[in-house]
Amino acid sequence: MDEIKPRVSKNTQEDRKLVAAAQRGENHAFETLLKKYHKSVYYMLLKMVRNSDDAEDLTQEAFAKAFKSIEKFDSKYAFSTWLFRIATNNCIDFIRKKRVQTVSIDQPLEGDDGSTMRFDVKDHNLDPNDTLLKKQRARYLEMAIDRLPEKYRILVELRYFKEYSYEEVARELQIPLGTVKAQLFRARELLNQELKNVKSQM
């Protein structure tokens, strides 16, 4: 008796072809997957973080992580499920870190048993090694940004140094919001590559 194979939807078949093309390094496949799932990932993350800029940054990170590990994707599963899992896990890490950062070190925490606990935090600002490392990382970043093509360098400076919102960047550069998001995604990829290049040459 022949084994009955599960029916694969048209959408899943399309995704498998796109993923296979992406695994071969074909840029159009990455762009198509990004356009196809950007909105659904963004709105899922927006419900979690309730901040549009954070949701957009996390969406960019999710796609970057997914594309970086695209070789590990198992085509037995749906690409969307795999992508949403990466996005959700990354978002949970972000929320945890943000909660840690918002805890005041000056205020005692009260336990369930009524006891209180204070944080004794070491001042790392006086550690010369730590200061040196921070200066070194800042220098690497500055050198990597200088190597970017001008349009990407301007985007990075506006978004991450001047802290413009995506809408403000679009207005400043007079380009569509969708173009801003797509080019920032590419800018981050290039910046990560240039950082690796800078470090290897130092």
C-alpha atoms as a PDB file:
ATOM      1  CA  MET A   1       0.000   0.000   0.000  1.00  0.00           C
ATOM      2  CA  ASP A   2       1.403   3.374  -1.015  1.00  0.00           C
ATOM      3  CA  GLU A   3       2.226   5.816   1.767  1.00  0.00           C
ATOM      4  CA  ILE A   4      -0.064   8.817   1.794  1.00  0.00           C
ATOM      5  CA  LYS A   5       2.012  11.992   1.779  1.00  0.00           C
ATOM      6  CA  PRO A   6       0.667  15.084   3.536  1.00  0.00           C
ATOM      7  CA  ARG A   7      -0.648  17.699   1.146  1.00  0.00           C
ATOM      8  CA  VAL A   8       1.597  20.749   0.914  1.00  0.00           C
ATOM      9  CA  SER A   9      -0.075  24.125   0.427  1.00  0.00           C
ATOM     10  CA  LYS A  10       0.809  26.383  -2.484  1.00  0.00           C
ATOM     11  CA  ASN A  11       2.217  28.953  -0.058  1.00  0.00           C
ATOM     12  CA  THR A  12       4.526  26.365   1.523  1.00  0.00           C
ATOM     13  CA  GLN A  13       5.708  25.239  -1.905  1.00  0.00           C
ATOM     14  CA  GLU A  14       6.497  28.848  -2.850  1.00  0.00           C
ATOM     15  CA  ASP A  15       8.391  29.379   0.410  1.00  0.00           C
ATOM     16  CA  ARG A  16      10.439  26.231  -0.106  1.00  0.00           C
ATOM     17  CA  LYS A  17      11.512  27.461  -3.532  1.00  0.00           C
ATOM     18  CA  LEU A  18      12.399  30.880  -2.133  1.00  0.00           C
ATOM     19  CA  VAL A  19      14.356  29.391   0.772  1.00  0.00           C
ATOM     20  CA  ALA A  20      16.252  27.098  -1.605  1.00  0.00           C
ATOM     21  CA  ALA A  21      17.117  30.134  -3.734  1.00  0.00           C
ATOM     22  CA  ALA A  22      18.166  32.079  -0.622  1.00  0.00           C
ATOM     23  CA  GLN A  23      20.394  29.185   0.431  1.00  0.00           C
ATOM     24  CA  ARG A  24      22.072  29.504  -2.967  1.00  0.00           C
ATOM     25  CA  GLY A  25      22.702  33.167  -2.170  1.00  0.00           C
ATOM     26  CA  GLU A  26      20.169  34.663  -4.587  1.00  0.00           C
ATOM     27  CA  ASN A  27      19.336  38.169  -3.316  1.00  0.00           C
ATOM     28  CA  HIS A  28      15.882  38.334  -4.915  1.00  0.00           C
ATOM     29  CA  ALA A  29      14.764  35.445  -2.689  1.00  0.00           C
ATOM     30  CA  PHE A  30      15.764  37.292   0.487  1.00  0.00           C
ATOM     31  CA  GLU A  31      13.946  40.415  -0.696  1.00  0.00           C
ATOM     32  CA  THR A  32      10.794  38.453  -1.577  1.00  0.00           C
ATOM     33  CA  LEU A  33      10.687  36.690   1.802  1.00  0.00           C
ATOM     34  CA  LEU A  34      11.286  39.996   3.587  1.00  0.00           C
ATOM     35  CA  LYS A  35       8.417  41.707   1.743  1.00  0.00           C
ATOM     36  CA  LYS A  36       6.126  38.706   2.178  1.00  0.00           C
ATOM     37  CA  TYR A  37       6.458  38.351   5.951  1.00  0.00           C
ATOM     38  CA  HIS A  38       7.561  41.798   7.137  1.00  0.00           C
ATOM     39  CA  LYS A  39       4.093  43.043   8.116  1.00  0.00           C
ATOM     40  CA  SER A  40       2.993  39.891   9.920  1.00  0.00           C
ATOM     41  CA  VAL A  41       6.243  39.696  11.923  1.00  0.00           C
ATOM     42  CA  TYR A  42       6.114  43.423  12.699  1.00  0.00           C
ATOM     43  CA  TYR A  43       2.518  43.358  13.999  1.00  0.00           C
ATOM     44  CA  MET A  44       3.190  40.255  16.064  1.00  0.00           C
ATOM     45  CA  LEU A  45       6.156  41.979  17.717  1.00  0.00           C
ATOM     46  CA  LEU A  46       4.255  45.253  18.114  1.00  0.00           C
ATOM     47  CA  LYS A  47       1.708  43.427  20.280  1.00  0.00           C
ATOM     48  CA  MET A  48       4.580  42.219  22.457  1.00  0.00           C
ATOM     49  CA  VAL A  49       6.552  45.456  22.894  1.00  0.00           C
ATOM     50  CA  ARG A  50       3.845  48.097  22.249  1.00  0.00           C
ATOM     51  CA  ASN A  51       6.332  50.470  20.628  1.00  0.00           C
ATOM     52  CA  SER A  52       6.504  50.903  16.864  1.00  0.00           C
ATOM     53  CA  ASP A  53      10.219  51.729  16.628  1.00  0.00           C
ATOM     54  CA  ASP A  54      11.214  48.838  18.910  1.00  0.00           C
ATOM     55  CA  ALA A  55       8.952  46.517  16.899  1.00  0.00           C
ATOM     56  CA  GLU A  56      10.566  47.621  13.640  1.00  0.00           C
ATOM     57  CA  ASP A  57      14.102  47.197  15.009  1.00  0.00           C
ATOM     58  CA  LEU A  58      13.200  43.738  16.311  1.00  0.00           C
ATOM     59  CA  THR A  59      11.657  42.839  12.939  1.00  0.00           C
ATOM     60  CA  GLN A  60      14.891  43.790  11.201  1.00  0.00           C
ATOM     61  CA  GLU A  61      16.885  41.737  13.715  1.00  0.00           C
ATOM     62  CA  ALA A  62      14.606  38.721  13.278  1.00  0.00           C
ATOM     63  CA  PHE A  63      15.082  38.681   9.518  1.00  0.00           C
ATOM     64  CA  ALA A  64      18.818  39.241   9.880  1.00  0.00           C
ATOM     65  CA  LYS A  65      19.101  36.262  12.245  1.00  0.00           C
ATOM     66  CA  ALA A  66      16.894  34.080  10.051  1.00  0.00           C
ATOM     67  CA  PHE A  67      18.827  34.886   6.882  1.00  0.00           C
ATOM     68  CA  LYS A  68      22.156  34.413   8.651  1.00  0.00           C
ATOM     69  CA  SER A  69      21.154  30.855   9.621  1.00  0.00           C
ATOM     70  CA  ILE A  70      19.110  30.074   6.496  1.00  0.00           C
ATOM     71  CA  GLU A  71      21.366  27.082   5.789  1.00  0.00           C
ATOM     72  CA  LYS A  72      20.063  25.428   8.963  1.00  0.00           C
ATOM     73  CA  PHE A  73      16.419  25.704   7.943  1.00  0.00           C
ATOM     74  CA  ASP A  74      14.702  22.318   7.625  1.00  0.00           C
ATOM     75  CA  SER A  75      12.261  22.374   4.690  1.00  0.00           C
ATOM     76  CA  LYS A  76      10.059  19.797   6.440  1.00  0.00           C
ATOM     77  CA  TYR A  77       8.699  22.712   8.465  1.00  0.00           C
ATOM     78  CA  ALA A  78       6.962  25.922   7.418  1.00  0.00           C
ATOM     79  CA  PHE A  79       9.321  28.862   6.913  1.00  0.00           C
ATOM     80  CA  SER A  80       6.837  31.227   8.555  1.00  0.00           C
ATOM     81  CA  THR A  81       6.729  29.110  11.738  1.00  0.00           C
ATOM     82  CA  TRP A  82      10.532  29.030  11.893  1.00  0.00           C
ATOM     83  CA  LEU A  83      10.771  32.787  11.292  1.00  0.00           C
ATOM     84  CA  PHE A  84       8.120  33.633  13.908  1.00  0.00           C
ATOM     85  CA  ARG A  85       9.914  31.454  16.465  1.00  0.00           C
ATOM     86  CA  ILE A  86      13.174  33.333  15.853  1.00  0.00           C
ATOM     87  CA  ALA A  87      11.347  36.679  16.093  1.00  0.00           C
ATOM     88  CA  THR A  88       9.521  35.691  19.287  1.00  0.00           C
ATOM     89  CA  ASN A  89      12.633  34.370  21.044  1.00  0.00           C
ATOM     90  CA  ASN A  90      14.602  37.484  20.091  1.00  0.00           C
ATOM     91  CA  CYS A  91      11.772  39.692  21.345  1.00  0.00           C
ATOM     92  CA  ILE A  92      11.577  37.836  24.663  1.00  0.00           C
ATOM     93  CA  ASP A  93      15.320  38.386  25.152  1.00  0.00           C
ATOM     94  CA  PHE A  94      14.833  42.085  24.376  1.00  0.00           C
ATOM     95  CA  ILE A  95      11.988  42.405  26.895  1.00  0.00           C
ATOM     96  CA  ARG A  96      14.008  40.632  29.596  1.00  0.00           C
ATOM     97  CA  LYS A  97      16.997  42.920  29.059  1.00  0.00           C
ATOM     98  CA  LYS A  98      14.788  45.988  29.084  1.00  0.00           C
ATOM     99  CA  ARG A  99      13.182  44.929  32.357  1.00  0.00           C
ATOM    100  CA  VAL A 100      16.595  44.448  33.924  1.00  0.00           C
ATOM    101  CA  GLN A 101      17.675  47.906  32.753  1.00  0.00           C
ATOM    102  CA  THR A 102      14.580  49.591  34.205  1.00  0.00           C
ATOM    103  CA  VAL A 103      15.080  48.195  37.731  1.00  0.00           C
ATOM    104  CA  SER A 104      16.333  51.003  39.942  1.00  0.00           C
ATOM    105  CA  ILE A 105      19.502  50.036  41.830  1.00  0.00           C
ATOM    106  CA  ASP A 106      18.723  52.637  44.492  1.00  0.00           C
ATOM    107  CA  GLN A 107      15.333  51.188  45.458  1.00  0.00           C
ATOM    108  CA  PRO A 108      15.153  48.011  47.587  1.00  0.00           C
ATOM    109  CA  LEU A 109      13.159  45.070  46.218  1.00  0.00           C
ATOM    110  CA  GLU A 110      10.537  43.595  48.493  1.00  0.00           C
ATOM    111  CA  GLY A 111      10.234  39.805  48.590  1.00  0.00           C
ATOM    112  CA  ASP A 112       7.085  37.721  49.035  1.00  0.00           C
ATOM    113  CA  ASP A 113       8.007  37.152  52.675  1.00  0.00           C
ATOM    114  CA  GLY A 114       8.240  40.866  53.411  1.00  0.00           C
ATOM    115  CA  SER A 115      12.037  40.954  53.354  1.00  0.00           C
ATOM    116  CA  THR A 116      13.906  43.595  51.352  1.00  0.00           C
ATOM    117  CA  MET A 117      17.030  43.381  49.255  1.00  0.00           C
ATOM    118  CA  ARG A 118      19.345  46.081  47.934  1.00  0.00           C
ATOM    119  CA  PHE A 119      21.749  45.878  45.027  1.00  0.00           C
ATOM    120  CA  ASP A 120      25.430  46.421  45.673  1.00  0.00           C
ATOM    121  CA  VAL A 121      26.631  47.381  42.224  1.00  0.00           C
ATOM    122  CA  LYS A 122      30.328  47.727  41.431  1.00  0.00           C
ATOM    123  CA  ASP A 123      31.217  50.941  39.607  1.00  0.00           C
ATOM    124  CA  HIS A 124      32.769  49.758  36.362  1.00  0.00           C
ATOM    125  CA  ASN A 125      33.385  53.311  35.216  1.00  0.00           C
ATOM    126  CA  LEU A 126      36.641  53.325  37.152  1.00  0.00           C
ATOM    127  CA  ASP A 127      37.931  50.122  35.537  1.00  0.00           C
ATOM    128  CA  PRO A 128      40.627  51.237  33.057  1.00  0.00           C
ATOM    129  CA  ASN A 129      40.375  47.978  31.088  1.00  0.00           C
ATOM    130  CA  ASP A 130      36.637  48.424  30.649  1.00  0.00           C
ATOM    131  CA  THR A 131      37.123  52.034  29.533  1.00  0.00           C
ATOM    132  CA  LEU A 132      39.779  50.979  27.038  1.00  0.00           C
ATOM    133  CA  LEU A 133      37.546  48.279  25.563  1.00  0.00           C
ATOM    134  CA  LYS A 134      34.668  50.724  25.150  1.00  0.00           C
ATOM    135  CA  LYS A 135      36.934  53.205  23.368  1.00  0.00           C
ATOM    136  CA  GLN A 136      38.256  50.433  21.135  1.00  0.00           C
ATOM    137  CA  ARG A 137      34.746  49.240  20.206  1.00  0.00           C
ATOM    138  CA  ALA A 138      33.689  52.841  19.475  1.00  0.00           C
ATOM    139  CA  ARG A 139      36.719  53.286  17.205  1.00  0.00           C
ATOM    140  CA  TYR A 140      35.961  50.050  15.340  1.00  0.00           C
ATOM    141  CA  LEU A 141      32.346  51.127  14.870  1.00  0.00           C
ATOM    142  CA  GLU A 142      33.355  54.580  13.606  1.00  0.00           C
ATOM    143  CA  MET A 143      35.787  53.049  11.099  1.00  0.00           C
ATOM    144  CA  ALA A 144      33.182  50.540   9.904  1.00  0.00           C
ATOM    145  CA  ILE A 145      30.553  53.270   9.422  1.00  0.00           C
ATOM    146  CA  ASP A 146      33.027  55.362   7.418  1.00  0.00           C
ATOM    147  CA  ARG A 147      33.434  52.434   5.001  1.00  0.00           C
ATOM    148  CA  LEU A 148      29.715  52.260   4.214  1.00  0.00           C
ATOM    149  CA  PRO A 149      28.366  53.737   0.966  1.00  0.00           C
ATOM    150  CA  GLU A 150      27.119  57.269   1.613  1.00  0.00           C
ATOM    151  CA  LYS A 151      23.379  56.492   1.474  1.00  0.00           C
ATOM    152  CA  TYR A 152      23.734  53.730   4.065  1.00  0.00           C
ATOM    153  CA  ARG A 153      26.046  55.811   6.268  1.00  0.00           C
ATOM    154  CA  ILE A 154      23.492  58.625   6.410  1.00  0.00           C
ATOM    155  CA  LEU A 155      20.702  56.178   7.294  1.00  0.00           C
ATOM    156  CA  VAL A 156      22.725  54.646  10.142  1.00  0.00           C
ATOM    157  CA  GLU A 157      23.670  58.044  11.538  1.00  0.00           C
ATOM    158  CA  LEU A 158      20.091  59.343  11.465  1.00  0.00           C
ATOM    159  CA  ARG A 159      18.491  56.217  12.932  1.00  0.00           C
ATOM    160  CA  TYR A 160      21.019  55.054  15.501  1.00  0.00           C
ATOM    161  CA  PHE A 161      23.012  58.154  16.459  1.00  0.00           C
ATOM    162  CA  LYS A 162      20.498  60.961  16.096  1.00  0.00           C
ATOM    163  CA  GLU A 163      17.743  58.494  17.103  1.00  0.00           C
ATOM    164  CA  TYR A 164      15.280  59.570  14.412  1.00  0.00           C
ATOM    165  CA  SER A 165      12.150  57.447  14.088  1.00  0.00           C
ATOM    166  CA  TYR A 166      11.654  55.592  10.797  1.00  0.00           C
ATOM    167  CA  GLU A 167       9.047  58.182   9.786  1.00  0.00           C
ATOM    168  CA  GLU A 168      11.439  61.046  10.583  1.00  0.00           C
ATOM    169  CA  VAL A 169      14.194  59.430   8.508  1.00  0.00           C
ATOM    170  CA  ALA A 170      11.767  59.066   5.588  1.00  0.00           C
ATOM    171  CA  ARG A 171      10.791  62.747   5.846  1.00  0.00           C
ATOM    172  CA  GLU A 172      14.383  63.908   6.239  1.00  0.00           C
ATOM    173  CA  LEU A 173      15.604  62.006   3.171  1.00  0.00           C
ATOM    174  CA  GLN A 174      12.320  62.389   1.249  1.00  0.00           C
ATOM    175  CA  ILE A 175      12.069  58.691   0.443  1.00  0.00           C
ATOM    176  CA  PRO A 176       9.229  56.183   1.077  1.00  0.00           C
ATOM    177  CA  LEU A 177       9.001  54.567   4.504  1.00  0.00           C
ATOM    178  CA  GLY A 178       9.287  51.106   2.959  1.00  0.00           C
ATOM    179  CA  THR A 179      12.533  52.118   1.259  1.00  0.00           C
ATOM    180  CA  VAL A 180      13.928  53.369   4.571  1.00  0.00           C
ATOM    181  CA  LYS A 181      13.210  50.018   6.234  1.00  0.00           C
ATOM    182  CA  ALA A 182      14.646  47.970   3.372  1.00  0.00           C
ATOM    183  CA  GLN A 183      17.792  50.093   3.106  1.00  0.00           C
ATOM    184  CA  LEU A 184      18.352  50.083   6.870  1.00  0.00           C
ATOM    185  CA  PHE A 185      18.153  46.305   6.814  1.00  0.00           C
ATOM    186  CA  ARG A 186      20.844  46.261   4.130  1.00  0.00           C
ATOM    187  CA  ALA A 187      22.877  48.910   5.984  1.00  0.00           C
ATOM    188  CA  ARG A 188      22.977  46.767   9.125  1.00  0.00           C
ATOM    189  CA  GLU A 189      24.140  43.755   7.147  1.00  0.00           C
ATOM    190  CA  LEU A 190      26.923  45.787   5.537  1.00  0.00           C
ATOM    191  CA  LEU A 191      27.890  47.353   8.867  1.00  0.00           C
ATOM    192  CA  ASN A 192      28.243  43.949  10.537  1.00  0.00           C
ATOM    193  CA  GLN A 193      30.456  42.805   7.662  1.00  0.00           C
ATOM    194  CA  GLU A 194      32.604  45.930   7.810  1.00  0.00           C
ATOM    195  CA  LEU A 195      33.002  45.529  11.584  1.00  0.00           C
ATOM    196  CA  LYS A 196      34.380  42.031  11.012  1.00  0.00           C
ATOM    197  CA  ASN A 197      36.717  43.390   8.329  1.00  0.00           C
ATOM    198  CA  VAL A 198      37.971  46.199  10.582  1.00  0.00           C
ATOM    199  CA  LYS A 199      38.650  43.847  13.503  1.00  0.00           C
ATOM    200  CA  SER A 200      40.493  41.361  11.291  1.00  0.00           C
ATOM    201  CA  GLN A 201      42.742  44.119   9.956  1.00  0.00           C
ATOM    202  CA  MET A 202      43.649  45.620  13.329  1.00  0.00           C
END
